[in-house]
N, C-alpha and C. Protein backbone atom coordinates (compact mmCIF):
# COMPACT_ATOMS: atom_id res chain seq x y z
N MET A 1 -5.13 14.23 -65.42
CA MET A 1 -5.16 12.78 -65.40
C MET A 1 -4.89 12.29 -63.97
N GLU A 2 -5.71 11.36 -63.53
CA GLU A 2 -5.53 10.80 -62.19
C GLU A 2 -4.33 9.86 -62.17
N PRO A 3 -3.64 9.78 -61.04
CA PRO A 3 -2.45 8.93 -60.97
C PRO A 3 -2.77 7.43 -60.98
N TYR A 4 -4.01 7.06 -60.70
CA TYR A 4 -4.38 5.65 -60.66
C TYR A 4 -5.44 5.35 -61.71
N THR A 5 -5.37 4.17 -62.24
CA THR A 5 -6.37 3.72 -63.20
C THR A 5 -7.16 2.58 -62.56
N VAL A 6 -8.27 2.23 -63.18
CA VAL A 6 -9.06 1.10 -62.69
C VAL A 6 -8.20 -0.16 -62.69
N SER A 7 -7.43 -0.35 -63.76
CA SER A 7 -6.60 -1.56 -63.84
C SER A 7 -5.55 -1.59 -62.73
N SER A 8 -4.97 -0.45 -62.37
CA SER A 8 -3.98 -0.46 -61.30
C SER A 8 -4.63 -0.79 -59.95
N ARG A 9 -5.84 -0.30 -59.74
CA ARG A 9 -6.56 -0.60 -58.50
C ARG A 9 -6.94 -2.08 -58.45
N ILE A 10 -7.36 -2.63 -59.59
CA ILE A 10 -7.71 -4.04 -59.66
C ILE A 10 -6.49 -4.90 -59.36
N LEU A 11 -5.35 -4.54 -59.92
CA LEU A 11 -4.12 -5.29 -59.65
C LEU A 11 -3.73 -5.23 -58.18
N THR A 12 -3.91 -4.08 -57.56
CA THR A 12 -3.62 -3.93 -56.13
C THR A 12 -4.53 -4.85 -55.31
N LEU A 13 -5.81 -4.85 -55.66
CA LEU A 13 -6.75 -5.73 -54.96
C LEU A 13 -6.43 -7.20 -55.21
N HIS A 14 -6.05 -7.53 -56.44
CA HIS A 14 -5.71 -8.92 -56.76
C HIS A 14 -4.51 -9.38 -55.94
N ARG A 15 -3.49 -8.56 -55.86
CA ARG A 15 -2.30 -8.92 -55.06
C ARG A 15 -2.66 -9.12 -53.59
N ALA A 16 -3.50 -8.23 -53.07
CA ALA A 16 -3.91 -8.35 -51.66
C ALA A 16 -4.73 -9.63 -51.46
N PHE A 17 -5.62 -9.92 -52.39
CA PHE A 17 -6.44 -11.13 -52.30
C PHE A 17 -5.57 -12.38 -52.41
N ALA A 18 -4.63 -12.38 -53.34
CA ALA A 18 -3.74 -13.54 -53.52
C ALA A 18 -2.90 -13.78 -52.26
N SER A 19 -2.40 -12.73 -51.66
CA SER A 19 -1.60 -12.86 -50.44
C SER A 19 -2.45 -13.40 -49.29
N TYR A 20 -3.62 -12.82 -49.10
CA TYR A 20 -4.54 -13.26 -48.04
C TYR A 20 -4.92 -14.72 -48.24
N THR A 21 -5.28 -15.06 -49.46
CA THR A 21 -5.72 -16.42 -49.79
C THR A 21 -4.59 -17.42 -49.60
N SER A 22 -3.40 -17.06 -50.06
CA SER A 22 -2.25 -17.96 -49.92
C SER A 22 -1.98 -18.28 -48.46
N GLN A 23 -2.07 -17.28 -47.60
CA GLN A 23 -1.86 -17.51 -46.17
C GLN A 23 -2.90 -18.47 -45.60
N ARG A 24 -4.15 -18.28 -46.00
CA ARG A 24 -5.23 -19.12 -45.49
C ARG A 24 -5.14 -20.56 -46.02
N LEU A 25 -4.73 -20.71 -47.28
CA LEU A 25 -4.70 -22.04 -47.89
C LEU A 25 -3.44 -22.81 -47.56
N GLN A 26 -2.40 -22.11 -47.13
CA GLN A 26 -1.12 -22.74 -46.83
C GLN A 26 -1.28 -23.83 -45.77
N GLU A 27 -2.14 -23.59 -44.79
CA GLU A 27 -2.33 -24.60 -43.74
C GLU A 27 -2.99 -25.87 -44.27
N LEU A 28 -3.63 -25.79 -45.43
CA LEU A 28 -4.22 -26.98 -46.04
C LEU A 28 -3.25 -27.68 -46.99
N GLY A 29 -2.16 -27.01 -47.30
CA GLY A 29 -1.21 -27.55 -48.27
C GLY A 29 -1.56 -27.16 -49.70
N LEU A 30 -2.34 -26.11 -49.85
CA LEU A 30 -2.73 -25.62 -51.17
C LEU A 30 -2.10 -24.26 -51.44
N ASN A 31 -2.00 -23.91 -52.72
CA ASN A 31 -1.56 -22.57 -53.08
C ASN A 31 -2.69 -21.84 -53.78
N PHE A 32 -2.48 -20.58 -54.06
CA PHE A 32 -3.51 -19.72 -54.63
C PHE A 32 -4.07 -20.29 -55.94
N GLY A 33 -3.22 -20.73 -56.84
CA GLY A 33 -3.67 -21.25 -58.13
C GLY A 33 -4.48 -22.52 -58.02
N GLN A 34 -4.14 -23.38 -57.07
CA GLN A 34 -4.85 -24.64 -56.91
C GLN A 34 -6.28 -24.42 -56.43
N MET A 35 -6.54 -23.30 -55.79
CA MET A 35 -7.87 -23.01 -55.29
C MET A 35 -8.90 -23.07 -56.41
N TYR A 36 -8.56 -22.57 -57.59
CA TYR A 36 -9.51 -22.53 -58.69
C TYR A 36 -9.83 -23.92 -59.21
N PHE A 37 -8.87 -24.84 -59.15
CA PHE A 37 -9.13 -26.23 -59.53
C PHE A 37 -10.11 -26.87 -58.54
N ILE A 38 -9.85 -26.65 -57.25
CA ILE A 38 -10.72 -27.19 -56.21
C ILE A 38 -12.14 -26.64 -56.36
N LEU A 39 -12.27 -25.35 -56.56
CA LEU A 39 -13.59 -24.74 -56.70
C LEU A 39 -14.32 -25.26 -57.94
N TYR A 40 -13.60 -25.39 -59.05
CA TYR A 40 -14.26 -25.86 -60.27
C TYR A 40 -14.74 -27.30 -60.13
N VAL A 41 -13.87 -28.18 -59.64
CA VAL A 41 -14.26 -29.58 -59.50
C VAL A 41 -15.38 -29.72 -58.46
N GLY A 42 -15.32 -28.94 -57.41
CA GLY A 42 -16.37 -28.97 -56.40
C GLY A 42 -17.72 -28.56 -56.95
N LYS A 43 -17.73 -27.63 -57.87
CA LYS A 43 -18.98 -27.17 -58.48
C LYS A 43 -19.39 -28.01 -59.69
N HIS A 44 -18.44 -28.78 -60.23
CA HIS A 44 -18.70 -29.60 -61.42
C HIS A 44 -18.15 -31.02 -61.22
N PRO A 45 -18.72 -31.77 -60.26
CA PRO A 45 -18.21 -33.13 -60.03
C PRO A 45 -18.32 -33.96 -61.30
N ASP A 46 -17.36 -34.83 -61.50
CA ASP A 46 -17.29 -35.71 -62.67
C ASP A 46 -16.94 -34.96 -63.96
N CYS A 47 -16.40 -33.74 -63.84
CA CYS A 47 -15.95 -33.02 -65.02
C CYS A 47 -14.70 -33.71 -65.57
N THR A 48 -14.38 -33.43 -66.81
CA THR A 48 -13.17 -33.98 -67.40
C THR A 48 -12.04 -32.94 -67.27
N PRO A 49 -10.80 -33.40 -67.33
CA PRO A 49 -9.69 -32.44 -67.32
C PRO A 49 -9.79 -31.44 -68.48
N SER A 50 -10.28 -31.89 -69.61
CA SER A 50 -10.43 -31.02 -70.77
C SER A 50 -11.45 -29.90 -70.50
N GLU A 51 -12.57 -30.25 -69.90
CA GLU A 51 -13.59 -29.25 -69.56
C GLU A 51 -13.03 -28.21 -68.60
N LEU A 52 -12.35 -28.69 -67.56
CA LEU A 52 -11.76 -27.79 -66.56
C LEU A 52 -10.76 -26.86 -67.22
N THR A 53 -9.89 -27.40 -68.03
CA THR A 53 -8.84 -26.62 -68.70
C THR A 53 -9.45 -25.53 -69.57
N LYS A 54 -10.48 -25.90 -70.31
CA LYS A 54 -11.14 -24.93 -71.20
C LYS A 54 -11.86 -23.84 -70.41
N GLU A 55 -12.62 -24.23 -69.41
CA GLU A 55 -13.40 -23.26 -68.64
C GLU A 55 -12.55 -22.31 -67.82
N LEU A 56 -11.40 -22.78 -67.34
CA LEU A 56 -10.51 -21.92 -66.56
C LEU A 56 -9.48 -21.20 -67.43
N HIS A 57 -9.56 -21.41 -68.76
CA HIS A 57 -8.67 -20.75 -69.72
C HIS A 57 -7.20 -21.00 -69.38
N LEU A 58 -6.87 -22.29 -69.21
CA LEU A 58 -5.52 -22.66 -68.81
C LEU A 58 -4.76 -23.32 -69.94
N ASP A 59 -3.46 -23.31 -69.81
CA ASP A 59 -2.57 -24.06 -70.69
C ASP A 59 -2.72 -25.54 -70.33
N TRP A 60 -2.78 -26.41 -71.34
CA TRP A 60 -3.01 -27.84 -71.11
C TRP A 60 -1.94 -28.45 -70.20
N GLY A 61 -0.68 -28.17 -70.47
CA GLY A 61 0.40 -28.74 -69.68
C GLY A 61 0.34 -28.31 -68.22
N HIS A 62 0.12 -27.03 -68.00
CA HIS A 62 0.00 -26.52 -66.63
C HIS A 62 -1.17 -27.18 -65.92
N SER A 63 -2.29 -27.28 -66.62
CA SER A 63 -3.48 -27.88 -66.04
C SER A 63 -3.21 -29.33 -65.63
N GLN A 64 -2.58 -30.08 -66.51
CA GLN A 64 -2.32 -31.49 -66.22
C GLN A 64 -1.37 -31.68 -65.04
N ARG A 65 -0.32 -30.87 -65.01
CA ARG A 65 0.63 -30.94 -63.88
C ARG A 65 -0.06 -30.61 -62.57
N SER A 66 -0.92 -29.60 -62.59
CA SER A 66 -1.65 -29.20 -61.38
C SER A 66 -2.61 -30.29 -60.94
N LEU A 67 -3.31 -30.90 -61.88
CA LEU A 67 -4.25 -31.98 -61.53
C LEU A 67 -3.52 -33.18 -60.94
N VAL A 68 -2.40 -33.55 -61.54
CA VAL A 68 -1.62 -34.68 -61.02
C VAL A 68 -1.18 -34.39 -59.59
N LYS A 69 -0.74 -33.17 -59.33
CA LYS A 69 -0.30 -32.78 -57.97
C LYS A 69 -1.47 -32.85 -56.99
N LEU A 70 -2.64 -32.37 -57.40
CA LEU A 70 -3.81 -32.40 -56.51
C LEU A 70 -4.26 -33.83 -56.24
N VAL A 71 -4.12 -34.72 -57.21
CA VAL A 71 -4.43 -36.13 -56.99
C VAL A 71 -3.41 -36.74 -56.03
N GLU A 72 -2.13 -36.49 -56.29
CA GLU A 72 -1.06 -37.02 -55.42
C GLU A 72 -1.19 -36.52 -53.98
N ASP A 73 -1.63 -35.28 -53.82
CA ASP A 73 -1.77 -34.70 -52.48
C ASP A 73 -3.08 -35.06 -51.79
N GLY A 74 -3.94 -35.82 -52.48
CA GLY A 74 -5.16 -36.33 -51.87
C GLY A 74 -6.37 -35.43 -51.92
N PHE A 75 -6.36 -34.41 -52.78
CA PHE A 75 -7.51 -33.51 -52.89
C PHE A 75 -8.52 -33.96 -53.95
N LEU A 76 -8.02 -34.63 -54.99
CA LEU A 76 -8.87 -35.05 -56.10
C LEU A 76 -8.69 -36.54 -56.39
N THR A 77 -9.72 -37.11 -57.00
CA THR A 77 -9.58 -38.42 -57.62
C THR A 77 -9.70 -38.22 -59.12
N ARG A 78 -9.00 -39.05 -59.85
CA ARG A 78 -9.02 -38.99 -61.31
C ARG A 78 -9.24 -40.41 -61.80
N GLU A 79 -10.47 -40.71 -62.15
CA GLU A 79 -10.83 -42.06 -62.56
C GLU A 79 -11.29 -42.06 -64.01
N LYS A 80 -11.09 -43.21 -64.65
CA LYS A 80 -11.44 -43.34 -66.07
C LYS A 80 -12.50 -44.42 -66.24
N PRO A 81 -13.78 -44.06 -66.00
CA PRO A 81 -14.84 -45.06 -66.12
C PRO A 81 -15.19 -45.40 -67.58
N GLY A 82 -14.80 -44.54 -68.48
CA GLY A 82 -15.11 -44.75 -69.89
C GLY A 82 -13.96 -44.28 -70.75
N ARG A 83 -14.26 -43.43 -71.69
CA ARG A 83 -13.24 -42.96 -72.62
C ARG A 83 -12.38 -41.84 -72.06
N SER A 84 -12.89 -41.11 -71.08
CA SER A 84 -12.11 -39.99 -70.56
C SER A 84 -12.09 -40.01 -69.03
N TYR A 85 -11.10 -39.34 -68.47
CA TYR A 85 -10.97 -39.24 -67.02
C TYR A 85 -12.06 -38.34 -66.46
N ARG A 86 -12.47 -38.64 -65.25
CA ARG A 86 -13.45 -37.84 -64.52
C ARG A 86 -12.82 -37.42 -63.20
N LEU A 87 -13.07 -36.16 -62.82
CA LEU A 87 -12.48 -35.60 -61.61
C LEU A 87 -13.53 -35.45 -60.52
N ARG A 88 -13.13 -35.78 -59.30
CA ARG A 88 -13.99 -35.61 -58.14
C ARG A 88 -13.14 -35.17 -56.95
N LEU A 89 -13.78 -34.50 -56.02
CA LEU A 89 -13.10 -34.14 -54.77
C LEU A 89 -13.09 -35.33 -53.83
N THR A 90 -12.02 -35.49 -53.11
CA THR A 90 -11.96 -36.46 -52.02
C THR A 90 -12.56 -35.79 -50.78
N SER A 91 -12.59 -36.48 -49.66
CA SER A 91 -13.08 -35.83 -48.44
C SER A 91 -12.17 -34.67 -48.06
N GLN A 92 -10.86 -34.83 -48.26
CA GLN A 92 -9.91 -33.74 -48.03
C GLN A 92 -10.19 -32.59 -48.99
N GLY A 93 -10.52 -32.92 -50.23
CA GLY A 93 -10.87 -31.91 -51.23
C GLY A 93 -12.16 -31.18 -50.87
N GLU A 94 -13.13 -31.91 -50.31
CA GLU A 94 -14.39 -31.28 -49.89
C GLU A 94 -14.13 -30.26 -48.78
N GLN A 95 -13.25 -30.61 -47.85
CA GLN A 95 -12.89 -29.66 -46.78
C GLN A 95 -12.21 -28.43 -47.37
N ALA A 96 -11.32 -28.64 -48.32
CA ALA A 96 -10.64 -27.53 -48.97
C ALA A 96 -11.63 -26.66 -49.74
N PHE A 97 -12.61 -27.29 -50.36
CA PHE A 97 -13.65 -26.57 -51.10
C PHE A 97 -14.40 -25.61 -50.17
N MET A 98 -14.74 -26.08 -48.98
CA MET A 98 -15.45 -25.24 -48.01
C MET A 98 -14.57 -24.08 -47.56
N VAL A 99 -13.30 -24.35 -47.31
CA VAL A 99 -12.37 -23.29 -46.89
C VAL A 99 -12.21 -22.27 -48.01
N CYS A 100 -12.09 -22.73 -49.25
CA CYS A 100 -11.94 -21.81 -50.39
C CYS A 100 -13.13 -20.86 -50.49
N HIS A 101 -14.33 -21.39 -50.32
CA HIS A 101 -15.52 -20.53 -50.34
C HIS A 101 -15.48 -19.52 -49.20
N ARG A 102 -15.09 -19.98 -48.04
CA ARG A 102 -15.03 -19.12 -46.87
C ARG A 102 -14.02 -17.99 -47.06
N VAL A 103 -12.91 -18.29 -47.72
CA VAL A 103 -11.86 -17.29 -47.96
C VAL A 103 -12.43 -16.11 -48.74
N PHE A 104 -13.23 -16.39 -49.76
CA PHE A 104 -13.82 -15.31 -50.55
C PHE A 104 -14.69 -14.41 -49.68
N ALA A 105 -15.57 -15.02 -48.89
CA ALA A 105 -16.47 -14.24 -48.04
C ALA A 105 -15.70 -13.46 -46.97
N ASP A 106 -14.72 -14.11 -46.36
CA ASP A 106 -13.94 -13.44 -45.32
C ASP A 106 -13.15 -12.27 -45.86
N TRP A 107 -12.53 -12.46 -47.04
CA TRP A 107 -11.74 -11.37 -47.63
C TRP A 107 -12.64 -10.20 -48.00
N ASP A 108 -13.80 -10.49 -48.59
CA ASP A 108 -14.73 -9.41 -48.93
C ASP A 108 -15.11 -8.62 -47.68
N ALA A 109 -15.43 -9.33 -46.62
CA ALA A 109 -15.84 -8.66 -45.38
C ALA A 109 -14.73 -7.75 -44.87
N GLU A 110 -13.49 -8.25 -44.93
CA GLU A 110 -12.36 -7.46 -44.45
C GLU A 110 -12.05 -6.29 -45.39
N ALA A 111 -11.98 -6.58 -46.68
CA ALA A 111 -11.59 -5.56 -47.66
C ALA A 111 -12.64 -4.46 -47.81
N LEU A 112 -13.90 -4.81 -47.62
CA LEU A 112 -14.97 -3.84 -47.82
C LEU A 112 -15.53 -3.30 -46.50
N SER A 113 -14.83 -3.53 -45.41
CA SER A 113 -15.34 -3.13 -44.10
C SER A 113 -15.53 -1.62 -43.97
N GLY A 114 -14.82 -0.85 -44.76
CA GLY A 114 -14.96 0.61 -44.70
C GLY A 114 -16.12 1.16 -45.51
N LEU A 115 -16.85 0.27 -46.19
CA LEU A 115 -17.97 0.70 -47.01
C LEU A 115 -19.30 0.41 -46.31
N THR A 116 -20.26 1.25 -46.57
CA THR A 116 -21.62 0.98 -46.07
C THR A 116 -22.24 -0.10 -46.95
N ALA A 117 -23.33 -0.67 -46.50
CA ALA A 117 -24.03 -1.70 -47.28
C ALA A 117 -24.44 -1.17 -48.66
N PRO A 118 -25.01 0.04 -48.76
CA PRO A 118 -25.35 0.56 -50.08
C PRO A 118 -24.11 0.78 -50.98
N GLU A 119 -23.02 1.20 -50.36
CA GLU A 119 -21.78 1.39 -51.14
C GLU A 119 -21.26 0.05 -51.67
N ARG A 120 -21.35 -0.99 -50.86
CA ARG A 120 -20.94 -2.33 -51.31
C ARG A 120 -21.78 -2.79 -52.48
N GLN A 121 -23.09 -2.59 -52.36
CA GLN A 121 -24.00 -2.99 -53.45
C GLN A 121 -23.69 -2.20 -54.72
N GLN A 122 -23.44 -0.92 -54.58
CA GLN A 122 -23.12 -0.08 -55.73
C GLN A 122 -21.80 -0.51 -56.36
N LEU A 123 -20.79 -0.78 -55.53
CA LEU A 123 -19.50 -1.22 -56.04
C LEU A 123 -19.65 -2.52 -56.83
N LEU A 124 -20.34 -3.49 -56.26
CA LEU A 124 -20.53 -4.77 -56.94
C LEU A 124 -21.30 -4.61 -58.25
N ALA A 125 -22.32 -3.75 -58.24
CA ALA A 125 -23.10 -3.52 -59.46
C ALA A 125 -22.24 -2.88 -60.54
N LEU A 126 -21.42 -1.91 -60.16
CA LEU A 126 -20.55 -1.25 -61.13
C LEU A 126 -19.47 -2.20 -61.68
N LEU A 127 -18.91 -3.02 -60.80
CA LEU A 127 -17.92 -3.99 -61.25
C LEU A 127 -18.53 -5.02 -62.19
N GLN A 128 -19.74 -5.45 -61.87
CA GLN A 128 -20.43 -6.41 -62.74
C GLN A 128 -20.69 -5.78 -64.11
N LYS A 129 -21.11 -4.53 -64.11
CA LYS A 129 -21.37 -3.82 -65.37
C LYS A 129 -20.08 -3.68 -66.18
N ALA A 130 -18.99 -3.33 -65.51
CA ALA A 130 -17.71 -3.16 -66.19
C ALA A 130 -17.17 -4.48 -66.73
N ALA A 131 -17.49 -5.58 -66.05
CA ALA A 131 -16.96 -6.89 -66.43
C ALA A 131 -17.70 -7.51 -67.62
N LYS A 132 -18.90 -7.01 -67.94
CA LYS A 132 -19.64 -7.55 -69.07
C LYS A 132 -18.86 -7.32 -70.35
N LYS A 133 -18.80 -8.39 -71.13
CA LYS A 133 -18.07 -8.30 -72.40
C LYS A 133 -18.86 -7.44 -73.39
N LYS A 134 -18.13 -6.59 -74.04
CA LYS A 134 -18.74 -5.72 -75.06
C LYS A 134 -18.55 -6.36 -76.43
N GLY A 135 -19.53 -6.15 -77.30
CA GLY A 135 -19.40 -6.60 -78.68
C GLY A 135 -19.72 -7.96 -78.85
C-alpha cells in the first residue's frame, strides 16, 4: 500500500492553493472563501442570494453573512427590484473578479511548472474523469 492516497494529495494541493490565494487576495481585502462569491456573481450578474447559496452548496446563514460583508465592503450591490434581491459586482468587485481569475491561472502555472505540456493535459483529463459523478 502506498503511503499517500489521491485524497491526501488533493488536500495538500488545496491547502497550498488556499494559502497562495489568501496571500494574493489579502491586498484586496478579501479572503479565500469570499473569492467564490465574487466569481459566482461575476459570472451570474443579477443572480439571487438563493441561487448563489444553492449553486455553491452553502449554509444559508453563512451565505447571508458573507453577502452582507461583501456589500458593506463595497464589492457587491444587493438591490430588490421586485420580489427578491439581485446581486451585482461593483467596480471594486469587477476588479476583484479579474484578480480572482488571474489567481487561478497564476497558481496553475506555478504548481504545474515541473510538468510538460502533454503531462499537464493528461493530468487535467484524468482529474476531469475522476471528478465525474458516478451513478
